[in-house]
């Protein structure tokens, strides 16, 4: 018990000094250990009293459709034995479409006020498809909500409601870049429909960005209990500032097991502005295809033990192409910020507004090249991105001993790089290059490593051809002009 009291005492003292106004002065004659625990409790009360009026329950109604198998039938036996009248299946299906309303709820937090309009931040999976939205405040008042904008890629939505009551509080947004594992945090929301609930825990990890998660956002992991209905509610630090929006849980049972995830609030600040101005999130685009590479791959590129992101391909006539980014560049900085991973760079580029300046620092041919200036454009739909513009249209891989064995290349004199991931309708496809081909020369100059291949590719001016070893012989491709 003494050890536990010491832990609480240390935490409470930290809160007492940092928060200043949260804790009441110790009572005279009271046990010192009890006083510091009371100080900790008072700090949680203060945070809750400040935040709860800005936390809302988001009740939604979605209109969905289903096909009624008995629709239009005067005799139900027609479903099993068919109608003697026959008919068009497609038309019958359209006639049999029925609508129904599906209700759900989530949470949200008031993040902005303009005139009589209040803006509530929540998740796309809470309100993005809603036909009706109701916002319920802490004092039980309800307002009709309107969807301002939603984005499924980052799972965020902004809802507004109108009120002349100027006393409704707006939450303070914190700086999620300062959040560290071990930080005390509180989660607010309506778990399982129990509105205005508060749970407390710590930040378990930051920067969570696994393969099954969104590449557009990283996540704050917390052990503060988060359940269904918490989605869209705020994750708050000890200063009463919103540091994240609770989004999902990892659970085999569907309930909290101490693995909750929140979108860092810094990832959403620009989205709030975009929703209000344009009704959507506008993602920046520069036209680079980024891929994760292995340690062996990095060694061949000459960037071993260097954090960054590999630009495998560049879209011709894209902002990156015009700015001077080349396939094979290893990007280590964006606007002075070090690149730690591919996903991080994707997020940082995506957060730039169209027309903004992206200043890259890359390693090319073993040399550091700073200040490659690129003007971003608005990202088009995926269907509008044409493979014919993907240069060179494949990813080169090292010709290792294992690869030689798989490709049955016994001749040790054959040196170069292996062609992988050829894109349909790309320049590589137009040159009849295939997966498994070995490129031995670029524009007639022999190459033996990845670094040499991409260096020669970067040096090519307006046109290029390749020498390719395949099936025991070497041929020279046609010339591709760009």
Protein backbone atom coordinates (compact mmCIF):
# COMPACT_ATOMS: atom_id res chain seq x y z
CA UNK A 1 0.00 0.00 0.00
CA UNK A 2 2.87 2.37 0.84
CA UNK A 3 4.44 1.76 -2.58
CA UNK A 4 1.11 2.47 -4.29
CA UNK A 5 0.69 5.68 -2.32
CA UNK A 6 4.18 6.76 -3.33
CA UNK A 7 3.34 6.24 -7.01
CA UNK A 8 0.13 8.23 -6.67
CA UNK A 9 1.99 10.88 -4.70
CA UNK A 10 4.61 11.33 -7.43
CA UNK A 11 1.98 11.51 -10.17
CA UNK A 12 -0.16 13.90 -8.19
CA UNK A 13 2.77 16.21 -7.43
CA UNK A 14 3.58 16.35 -11.14
CA UNK A 15 -0.03 17.18 -11.96
CA UNK A 16 -0.18 19.70 -9.12
CA UNK A 17 2.87 21.59 -10.36
CA UNK A 18 2.00 21.36 -14.09
CA UNK A 19 -1.72 22.05 -13.94
CA UNK A 20 -1.44 24.57 -11.06
CA UNK A 21 -5.14 25.35 -10.80
CA UNK A 22 -6.39 21.77 -10.76
CA UNK A 23 -5.65 20.76 -7.15
CA UNK A 24 -7.04 22.23 -3.93
CA UNK A 25 -4.52 23.06 -1.16
CA UNK A 26 -3.90 20.16 1.27
CA UNK A 27 -6.20 20.02 4.30
CA UNK A 28 -4.64 20.73 7.66
CA UNK A 29 -4.04 17.66 9.73
CA UNK A 30 -4.97 15.27 6.94
CA UNK A 31 -2.71 12.40 6.02
CA UNK A 32 -0.16 13.62 3.45
CA UNK A 33 -0.61 10.60 1.21
CA UNK A 34 -4.39 11.08 1.16
CA UNK A 35 -3.93 14.74 0.31
CA UNK A 36 -1.91 14.03 -2.82
CA UNK A 37 -4.39 11.37 -3.95
CA UNK A 38 -7.18 13.91 -3.47
CA UNK A 39 -5.15 16.35 -5.54
CA UNK A 40 -4.98 13.79 -8.34
CA UNK A 41 -8.72 13.17 -8.08
CA UNK A 42 -9.43 16.90 -8.13
CA UNK A 43 -7.36 17.27 -11.28
CA UNK A 44 -9.43 14.60 -13.04
CA UNK A 45 -12.62 16.31 -11.84
CA UNK A 46 -11.41 19.63 -13.20
CA UNK A 47 -10.60 18.15 -16.60
CA UNK A 48 -13.97 16.40 -16.75
CA UNK A 49 -15.92 19.50 -15.69
CA UNK A 50 -14.13 21.49 -18.39
CA UNK A 51 -14.49 18.94 -21.19
CA UNK A 52 -17.91 17.33 -20.72
CA UNK A 53 -19.93 20.40 -21.85
CA UNK A 54 -17.97 20.33 -25.14
CA UNK A 55 -18.47 16.57 -25.67
CA UNK A 56 -21.61 15.53 -27.52
CA UNK A 57 -23.52 12.39 -28.39
CA UNK A 58 -24.01 12.02 -32.14
CA UNK A 59 -27.22 10.14 -32.98
CA UNK A 60 -27.47 9.20 -36.65
CA UNK A 61 -30.02 7.67 -39.00
CA UNK A 62 -28.91 6.03 -42.24
CA UNK A 63 -31.28 5.19 -45.08
CA UNK A 64 -30.38 1.82 -46.54
CA UNK A 65 -31.90 -0.37 -49.25
CA UNK A 66 -32.53 -4.08 -49.54
CA UNK A 67 -34.13 -6.36 -52.11
CA UNK A 68 -37.48 -7.77 -51.06
CA UNK A 69 -37.68 -11.31 -52.52
CA UNK A 70 -41.48 -11.20 -52.30
CA UNK A 71 -41.83 -7.65 -53.66
CA UNK A 72 -44.61 -7.32 -56.21
CA UNK A 73 -45.71 -10.95 -55.88
CA UNK A 74 -49.39 -11.63 -55.39
CA UNK A 75 -48.59 -15.23 -54.58
CA UNK A 76 -45.59 -16.02 -52.32
CA UNK A 77 -45.20 -19.42 -54.02
CA UNK A 78 -43.88 -17.50 -57.05
CA UNK A 79 -40.64 -16.97 -55.08
CA UNK A 80 -39.99 -20.72 -55.00
CA UNK A 81 -41.49 -21.87 -58.31
CA UNK A 82 -41.28 -18.78 -60.51
CA UNK A 83 -43.94 -16.67 -62.16
CA UNK A 84 -45.74 -18.03 -65.20
CA UNK A 85 -45.60 -14.48 -66.59
CA UNK A 86 -41.79 -14.52 -66.74
CA UNK A 87 -40.06 -11.12 -66.65
CA UNK A 88 -36.82 -9.11 -66.64
CA UNK A 89 -34.66 -9.95 -63.58
CA UNK A 90 -32.95 -6.52 -63.52
CA UNK A 91 -36.23 -4.63 -63.69
CA UNK A 92 -37.77 -6.93 -61.12
CA UNK A 93 -34.83 -6.30 -58.75
CA UNK A 94 -35.23 -2.53 -59.14
CA UNK A 95 -38.95 -2.77 -58.46
CA UNK A 96 -38.29 -4.90 -55.40
CA UNK A 97 -35.87 -2.41 -53.81
CA UNK A 98 -37.06 -1.31 -50.37
CA UNK A 99 -35.69 1.33 -48.03
CA UNK A 100 -35.30 1.12 -44.28
CA UNK A 101 -33.77 3.30 -41.60
CA UNK A 102 -30.82 2.17 -39.52
CA UNK A 103 -30.02 4.05 -36.33
CA UNK A 104 -26.69 4.35 -34.58
CA UNK A 105 -24.74 6.59 -32.29
CA UNK A 106 -21.25 7.82 -31.66
CA UNK A 107 -19.51 10.71 -30.00
CA UNK A 108 -18.08 14.04 -31.00
CA UNK A 109 -16.42 17.16 -29.66
CA UNK A 110 -17.16 20.82 -30.37
CA UNK A 111 -14.01 22.26 -31.94
CA UNK A 112 -15.08 25.58 -33.45
CA UNK A 113 -17.74 28.29 -33.37
CA UNK A 114 -18.50 30.83 -36.11
CA UNK A 115 -21.42 33.13 -35.36
CA UNK A 116 -24.29 30.87 -34.30
CA UNK A 117 -22.75 27.82 -35.98
CA UNK A 118 -20.98 25.22 -33.85
CA UNK A 119 -18.76 22.60 -35.48
CA UNK A 120 -18.45 19.07 -34.09
CA UNK A 121 -15.55 16.79 -35.01
CA UNK A 122 -16.34 13.07 -35.20
CA UNK A 123 -15.55 9.98 -37.30
CA UNK A 124 -16.64 9.31 -40.86
CA UNK A 125 -17.88 5.88 -39.83
CA UNK A 126 -20.16 7.61 -37.31
CA UNK A 127 -21.73 10.37 -39.42
CA UNK A 128 -20.36 10.15 -42.97
CA UNK A 129 -23.35 8.24 -44.40
CA UNK A 130 -26.09 9.67 -42.19
CA UNK A 131 -29.35 10.95 -43.65
CA UNK A 132 -30.33 12.48 -40.31
CA UNK A 133 -28.05 13.69 -37.50
CA UNK A 134 -28.98 14.74 -33.98
CA UNK A 135 -26.49 16.39 -31.61
CA UNK A 136 -27.15 15.89 -27.88
CA UNK A 137 -25.29 18.09 -25.41
CA UNK A 138 -24.22 17.34 -21.86
CA UNK A 139 -27.29 19.18 -20.51
CA UNK A 140 -29.64 16.94 -22.59
CA UNK A 141 -30.46 19.65 -25.15
CA UNK A 142 -30.72 18.32 -28.69
CA UNK A 143 -30.02 20.07 -31.99
CA UNK A 144 -30.43 19.04 -35.59
CA UNK A 145 -27.04 18.38 -37.09
CA UNK A 146 -25.82 18.95 -40.64
CA UNK A 147 -22.96 17.09 -42.29
CA UNK A 148 -20.38 19.66 -43.36
CA UNK A 149 -17.97 17.14 -44.86
CA UNK A 150 -16.56 13.65 -44.42
CA UNK A 151 -13.53 11.72 -45.55
CA UNK A 152 -13.28 7.93 -45.46
CA UNK A 153 -9.52 7.72 -45.99
CA UNK A 154 -8.73 9.40 -42.68
CA UNK A 155 -12.09 8.44 -41.09
CA UNK A 156 -13.09 11.95 -40.08
CA UNK A 157 -16.28 13.98 -40.40
CA UNK A 158 -17.38 17.47 -39.41
CA UNK A 159 -20.97 18.16 -38.34
CA UNK A 160 -22.54 21.53 -37.56
CA UNK A 161 -25.52 22.72 -35.55
CA UNK A 162 -27.06 26.12 -34.93
CA UNK A 163 -27.58 27.76 -31.54
CA UNK A 164 -27.79 31.35 -30.28
CA UNK A 165 -26.49 30.22 -26.89
CA UNK A 166 -22.97 31.67 -26.76
CA UNK A 167 -22.17 29.86 -23.52
CA UNK A 168 -21.75 26.45 -25.19
CA UNK A 169 -18.02 25.78 -24.77
CA UNK A 170 -15.55 24.95 -27.51
CA UNK A 171 -12.79 22.45 -26.71
CA UNK A 172 -9.15 23.50 -26.79
CA UNK A 173 -7.03 21.59 -29.30
CA UNK A 174 -3.61 20.52 -28.08
CA UNK A 175 -0.36 19.60 -29.84
CA UNK A 176 -0.34 15.86 -30.48
CA UNK A 177 3.29 16.01 -31.66
CA UNK A 178 4.26 16.49 -28.01
CA UNK A 179 2.42 13.37 -26.80
CA UNK A 180 4.70 10.64 -25.43
CA UNK A 181 4.16 7.09 -24.14
CA UNK A 182 3.33 7.19 -20.45
CA UNK A 183 1.38 10.45 -20.63
CA UNK A 184 -1.84 10.40 -18.59
CA UNK A 185 -4.95 10.78 -20.74
CA UNK A 186 -8.74 10.65 -20.49
CA UNK A 187 -11.22 9.37 -23.09
CA UNK A 188 -14.67 10.97 -23.35
CA UNK A 189 -17.76 9.80 -25.19
CA UNK A 190 -20.86 7.59 -25.19
CA UNK A 191 -19.61 3.99 -24.96
CA UNK A 192 -22.44 1.51 -25.58
CA UNK A 193 -24.86 4.44 -25.39
CA UNK A 194 -23.81 5.59 -21.90
CA UNK A 195 -23.33 9.25 -22.78
CA UNK A 196 -20.89 11.62 -21.08
CA UNK A 197 -18.64 8.80 -19.86
CA UNK A 198 -15.03 9.37 -18.85
CA UNK A 199 -12.26 6.77 -18.68
CA UNK A 200 -8.67 7.31 -17.66
CA UNK A 201 -5.40 5.66 -18.65
CA UNK A 202 -2.09 6.41 -20.24
CA UNK A 203 -0.74 6.79 -23.73
CA UNK A 204 0.55 3.30 -24.54
CA UNK A 205 2.32 4.22 -27.79
CA UNK A 206 2.45 6.90 -30.46
CA UNK A 207 2.95 6.74 -34.21
CA UNK A 208 1.12 3.43 -34.62
CA UNK A 209 0.97 2.78 -38.37
CA UNK A 210 0.85 -0.91 -39.17
CA UNK A 211 0.07 -2.46 -42.57
CA UNK A 212 -3.60 -3.05 -41.67
CA UNK A 213 -4.05 0.58 -40.60
CA UNK A 214 -4.65 3.64 -42.74
CA UNK A 215 -1.60 4.95 -44.57
CA UNK A 216 -3.05 8.45 -44.34
CA UNK A 217 -2.88 8.64 -40.55
CA UNK A 218 -0.89 7.27 -37.68
CA UNK A 219 -2.52 6.62 -34.29
CA UNK A 220 -2.11 7.23 -30.59
CA UNK A 221 -2.57 3.98 -28.69
CA UNK A 222 -4.11 4.15 -25.22
CA UNK A 223 -5.26 1.78 -22.50
CA UNK A 224 -8.04 4.18 -21.44
CA UNK A 225 -11.19 2.09 -21.93
CA UNK A 226 -12.73 2.70 -25.38
CA UNK A 227 -15.83 0.82 -26.53
CA UNK A 228 -18.39 1.02 -29.30
CA UNK A 229 -19.99 4.45 -29.13
CA UNK A 230 -16.74 6.13 -28.07
CA UNK A 231 -15.88 6.68 -31.74
CA UNK A 232 -15.51 10.37 -32.49
CA UNK A 233 -15.03 11.37 -28.85
CA UNK A 234 -11.92 13.21 -27.70
CA UNK A 235 -8.77 11.85 -26.09
CA UNK A 236 -7.60 14.55 -23.67
CA UNK A 237 -4.36 15.32 -21.85
CA UNK A 238 -3.93 16.53 -18.25
CA UNK A 239 -4.24 20.14 -19.36
CA UNK A 240 -7.75 19.58 -20.71
CA UNK A 241 -6.61 19.77 -24.34
CA UNK A 242 -7.81 17.46 -27.11
CA UNK A 243 -4.87 15.40 -28.36
CA UNK A 244 -6.80 12.87 -30.46
CA UNK A 245 -10.14 11.58 -31.73
CA UNK A 246 -11.00 8.06 -30.54
CA UNK A 247 -11.52 5.92 -33.61
CA UNK A 248 -11.23 2.15 -33.17
CA UNK A 249 -10.25 -0.68 -30.85
CA UNK A 250 -8.35 -3.92 -31.31
CA UNK A 251 -10.40 -6.62 -29.64
CA UNK A 252 -11.38 -10.23 -30.22
CA UNK A 253 -14.50 -9.78 -28.08
CA UNK A 254 -15.75 -6.45 -29.42
CA UNK A 255 -15.14 -4.77 -26.04
CA UNK A 256 -12.25 -2.87 -24.56
CA UNK A 257 -9.13 -4.88 -23.76
CA UNK A 258 -6.88 -1.85 -23.30
CA UNK A 259 -6.05 -1.43 -26.99
CA UNK A 260 -7.73 1.78 -28.14
CA UNK A 261 -6.56 4.02 -30.97
CA UNK A 262 -7.07 7.72 -31.59
CA UNK A 263 -6.23 9.89 -34.59
CA UNK A 264 -3.73 12.56 -33.47
CA UNK A 265 -5.43 15.95 -33.48
CA UNK A 266 -2.59 17.53 -35.49
CA UNK A 267 -3.54 15.19 -38.35
CA UNK A 268 -7.04 16.68 -38.34
CA UNK A 269 -6.55 20.42 -37.86
CA UNK A 270 -6.17 21.13 -41.58
CA UNK A 271 -9.15 18.84 -42.30
CA UNK A 272 -11.39 21.06 -40.15
CA UNK A 273 -10.45 24.09 -42.26
CA UNK A 274 -10.88 22.14 -45.51
CA UNK A 275 -14.35 20.92 -44.55
CA UNK A 276 -15.52 24.43 -43.67
CA UNK A 277 -14.04 26.04 -46.79
CA UNK A 278 -14.56 23.32 -49.40
CA UNK A 279 -16.75 20.62 -47.86
CA UNK A 280 -14.04 18.01 -48.32
CA UNK A 281 -10.43 17.17 -47.48
CA UNK A 282 -8.14 18.19 -50.31
CA UNK A 283 -5.08 15.96 -50.41
CA UNK A 284 -1.84 17.26 -51.83
CA UNK A 285 -0.28 15.25 -54.66
CA UNK A 286 3.20 15.36 -56.14
CA UNK A 287 3.20 12.24 -58.34
CA UNK A 288 5.65 9.89 -56.61
CA UNK A 289 5.15 6.16 -56.10
CA UNK A 290 6.73 5.33 -52.74
CA UNK A 291 7.57 1.80 -51.59
CA UNK A 292 9.07 0.25 -48.47
CA UNK A 293 12.46 -1.38 -49.07
CA UNK A 294 14.42 -4.02 -47.18
CA UNK A 295 17.74 -3.62 -45.43
CA UNK A 296 19.53 -5.44 -48.28
CA UNK A 297 17.90 -3.13 -50.80
CA UNK A 298 19.06 -0.07 -48.85
CA UNK A 299 22.59 -1.44 -48.74
CA UNK A 300 22.67 -1.69 -52.55
CA UNK A 301 21.38 1.87 -52.80
CA UNK A 302 24.10 3.06 -50.44
CA UNK A 303 21.64 4.35 -47.81
CA UNK A 304 22.16 1.72 -45.12
CA UNK A 305 20.97 2.85 -41.65
CA UNK A 306 19.42 6.02 -43.10
CA UNK A 307 15.73 6.70 -42.44
CA UNK A 308 13.71 7.78 -45.43
CA UNK A 309 11.31 6.74 -48.20
CA UNK A 310 12.19 5.27 -51.58
CA UNK A 311 10.76 6.87 -54.74
CA UNK A 312 10.47 3.83 -57.00
CA UNK A 313 8.59 5.60 -59.79
CA UNK A 314 7.61 9.14 -60.78
CA UNK A 315 4.62 10.18 -62.90
CA UNK A 316 5.74 11.99 -66.04
CA UNK A 317 4.67 15.66 -66.18
CA UNK A 318 3.69 15.47 -62.50
CA UNK A 319 4.76 18.15 -59.99
CA UNK A 320 7.59 15.89 -58.78
CA UNK A 321 8.73 15.19 -62.35
CA UNK A 322 8.77 18.90 -63.20
CA UNK A 323 10.54 19.72 -59.93
CA UNK A 324 13.36 17.26 -60.55
CA UNK A 325 12.55 14.22 -58.40
CA UNK A 326 13.90 11.06 -60.11
CA UNK A 327 13.03 7.36 -59.81
CA UNK A 328 15.49 5.84 -57.33
CA UNK A 329 15.72 8.96 -55.17
CA UNK A 330 15.80 8.19 -51.45
CA UNK A 331 13.85 11.00 -49.77
CA UNK A 332 15.18 11.92 -46.32
CA UNK A 333 13.54 15.31 -45.65
CA UNK A 334 10.36 17.19 -46.53
CA UNK A 335 10.28 20.92 -45.77
CA UNK A 336 13.08 20.48 -43.24
CA UNK A 337 11.35 17.61 -41.41
CA UNK A 338 13.20 14.30 -41.36
CA UNK A 339 11.40 11.40 -43.04
CA UNK A 340 11.16 8.40 -40.72
CA UNK A 341 9.01 6.09 -42.85
CA UNK A 342 7.10 5.78 -46.11
CA UNK A 343 3.72 6.12 -44.37
CA UNK A 344 4.83 9.26 -42.58
CA UNK A 345 5.90 10.88 -45.86
CA UNK A 346 2.56 9.90 -47.47
CA UNK A 347 0.73 11.59 -44.58
CA UNK A 348 2.90 14.70 -44.68
CA UNK A 349 2.49 15.15 -48.44
CA UNK A 350 -1.24 14.49 -48.16
CA UNK A 351 -1.61 17.19 -45.51
CA UNK A 352 -0.13 19.84 -47.80
CA UNK A 353 -2.67 22.02 -49.57
CA UNK A 354 -2.78 22.15 -53.35
CA UNK A 355 -0.35 24.83 -54.51
CA UNK A 356 1.84 24.52 -51.43
CA UNK A 357 5.60 24.14 -51.72
CA UNK A 358 7.18 20.78 -51.00
CA UNK A 359 10.93 21.05 -50.56
CA UNK A 360 12.64 17.65 -50.72
CA UNK A 361 16.10 16.52 -49.70
CA UNK A 362 17.14 13.25 -51.35
CA UNK A 363 20.07 10.91 -51.66
CA UNK A 364 20.82 10.13 -55.30
CA UNK A 365 23.85 8.13 -56.43
CA UNK A 366 25.26 8.31 -52.90
CA UNK A 367 25.10 12.14 -52.87
CA UNK A 368 22.82 14.32 -50.78
CA UNK A 369 20.78 16.69 -52.94
CA UNK A 370 18.87 19.39 -51.02
CA UNK A 371 16.16 21.84 -52.05
CA UNK A 372 14.28 20.02 -54.78
CA UNK A 373 11.26 22.33 -54.96
CA UNK A 374 7.89 20.87 -55.98
CA UNK A 375 4.52 22.68 -56.18
CA UNK A 376 1.79 20.31 -55.04
CA UNK A 377 -1.46 19.73 -56.92
CA UNK A 378 -4.84 18.46 -55.74
CA UNK A 379 -4.90 14.69 -55.72
CA UNK A 380 -7.15 13.26 -58.43
CA UNK A 381 -9.36 10.19 -58.03
CA UNK A 382 -7.55 6.86 -58.15
CA UNK A 383 -9.28 6.05 -61.45
CA UNK A 384 -7.82 9.21 -63.00
CA UNK A 385 -4.23 8.19 -62.26
CA UNK A 386 -2.97 6.68 -65.51
CA UNK A 387 -0.29 3.97 -65.50
CA UNK A 388 0.91 5.22 -68.87
CA UNK A 389 2.48 8.14 -67.02
CA UNK A 390 4.25 5.96 -64.43
CA UNK A 391 7.99 6.21 -65.10
CA UNK A 392 9.72 3.80 -65.60
CA UNK A 393 6.76 1.49 -64.93
CA UNK A 394 8.61 -1.15 -62.91
CA UNK A 395 10.69 -1.57 -59.76
CA UNK A 396 14.28 -2.75 -60.03
CA UNK A 397 15.56 -5.34 -57.55
CA UNK A 398 19.07 -6.60 -56.73
CA UNK A 399 20.42 -9.59 -58.68
CA UNK A 400 21.32 -11.69 -55.63
CA UNK A 401 22.61 -15.28 -55.59
CA UNK A 402 19.14 -16.42 -54.54
CA UNK A 403 17.60 -14.50 -57.44
CA UNK A 404 20.11 -16.05 -59.86
CA UNK A 405 19.08 -19.49 -58.64
CA UNK A 406 15.37 -18.72 -59.06
CA UNK A 407 15.89 -17.26 -62.55
CA UNK A 408 18.35 -20.07 -63.46
CA UNK A 409 21.12 -17.66 -64.44
CA UNK A 410 24.34 -19.71 -64.25
CA UNK A 411 26.53 -17.24 -66.11
CA UNK A 412 28.33 -15.21 -63.44
CA UNK A 413 29.28 -12.63 -66.06
CA UNK A 414 25.65 -11.49 -66.19
CA UNK A 415 25.33 -8.48 -63.92
CA UNK A 416 22.57 -5.96 -63.50
CA UNK A 417 19.16 -5.56 -61.83
CA UNK A 418 15.97 -7.59 -61.98
CA UNK A 419 12.72 -6.19 -63.33
CA UNK A 420 9.76 -6.58 -60.93
CA UNK A 421 6.22 -5.18 -60.62
CA UNK A 422 5.78 -4.15 -64.25
CA UNK A 423 2.72 -1.87 -64.51
CA UNK A 424 0.20 -2.50 -67.29
CA UNK A 425 0.16 0.18 -70.01
CA UNK A 426 3.29 1.75 -68.51
CA UNK A 427 6.43 2.77 -70.46
CA UNK A 428 8.05 -0.52 -69.40
CA UNK A 429 5.09 -2.48 -70.78
CA UNK A 430 5.25 -0.56 -74.07
CA UNK A 431 8.93 -1.60 -74.36
CA UNK A 432 7.87 -5.25 -73.86
CA UNK A 433 9.84 -5.47 -70.62
CA UNK A 434 8.66 -8.35 -68.41
CA UNK A 435 8.99 -9.39 -64.79
CA UNK A 436 12.16 -11.45 -64.36
CA UNK A 437 14.12 -9.70 -67.10
CA UNK A 438 17.62 -8.60 -66.11
CA UNK A 439 18.65 -5.09 -67.18
CA UNK A 440 22.38 -5.02 -67.86
CA UNK A 441 22.77 -1.57 -69.40
CA UNK A 442 20.98 1.81 -69.62
CA UNK A 443 21.50 3.78 -72.84
CA UNK A 444 24.39 1.49 -73.65
CA UNK A 445 26.21 1.97 -70.32
CA UNK A 446 26.63 -1.20 -68.31
CA UNK A 447 25.29 -1.29 -64.76
CA UNK A 448 25.90 -3.80 -61.97
CA UNK A 449 24.02 -2.47 -58.92
CA UNK A 450 20.78 -0.73 -58.04
CA UNK A 451 22.65 2.50 -57.32
CA UNK A 452 24.24 2.44 -60.77
CA UNK A 453 20.94 1.61 -62.49
CA UNK A 454 19.01 4.47 -60.91
CA UNK A 455 21.94 6.84 -61.35
CA UNK A 456 21.99 6.16 -65.10
CA UNK A 457 18.20 6.37 -65.29
CA UNK A 458 18.35 9.78 -63.58
CA UNK A 459 21.01 10.94 -66.06
CA UNK A 460 18.94 10.00 -69.11
CA UNK A 461 17.83 13.04 -71.11
CA UNK A 462 14.52 12.85 -72.98
CA UNK A 463 14.93 9.21 -74.08
CA UNK A 464 16.16 5.85 -72.82
CA UNK A 465 16.65 2.25 -73.88
CA UNK A 466 17.73 -0.85 -71.98
CA UNK A 467 19.90 -3.89 -72.63
CA UNK A 468 18.04 -6.90 -71.30
CA UNK A 469 19.30 -10.40 -70.57
CA UNK A 470 16.53 -12.96 -70.96
CA UNK A 471 16.45 -16.68 -71.79
CA UNK A 472 20.21 -16.88 -72.28
CA UNK A 473 20.54 -13.92 -74.63
CA UNK A 474 20.73 -10.13 -74.58
CA UNK A 475 18.58 -7.74 -76.58
CA UNK A 476 18.23 -3.98 -76.72
CA UNK A 477 14.75 -2.54 -76.26
CA UNK A 478 13.27 0.18 -78.36
CA UNK A 479 13.78 3.78 -77.31
CA UNK A 480 11.27 5.41 -75.01
CA UNK A 481 10.99 9.18 -75.26
CA UNK A 482 9.72 11.26 -72.36
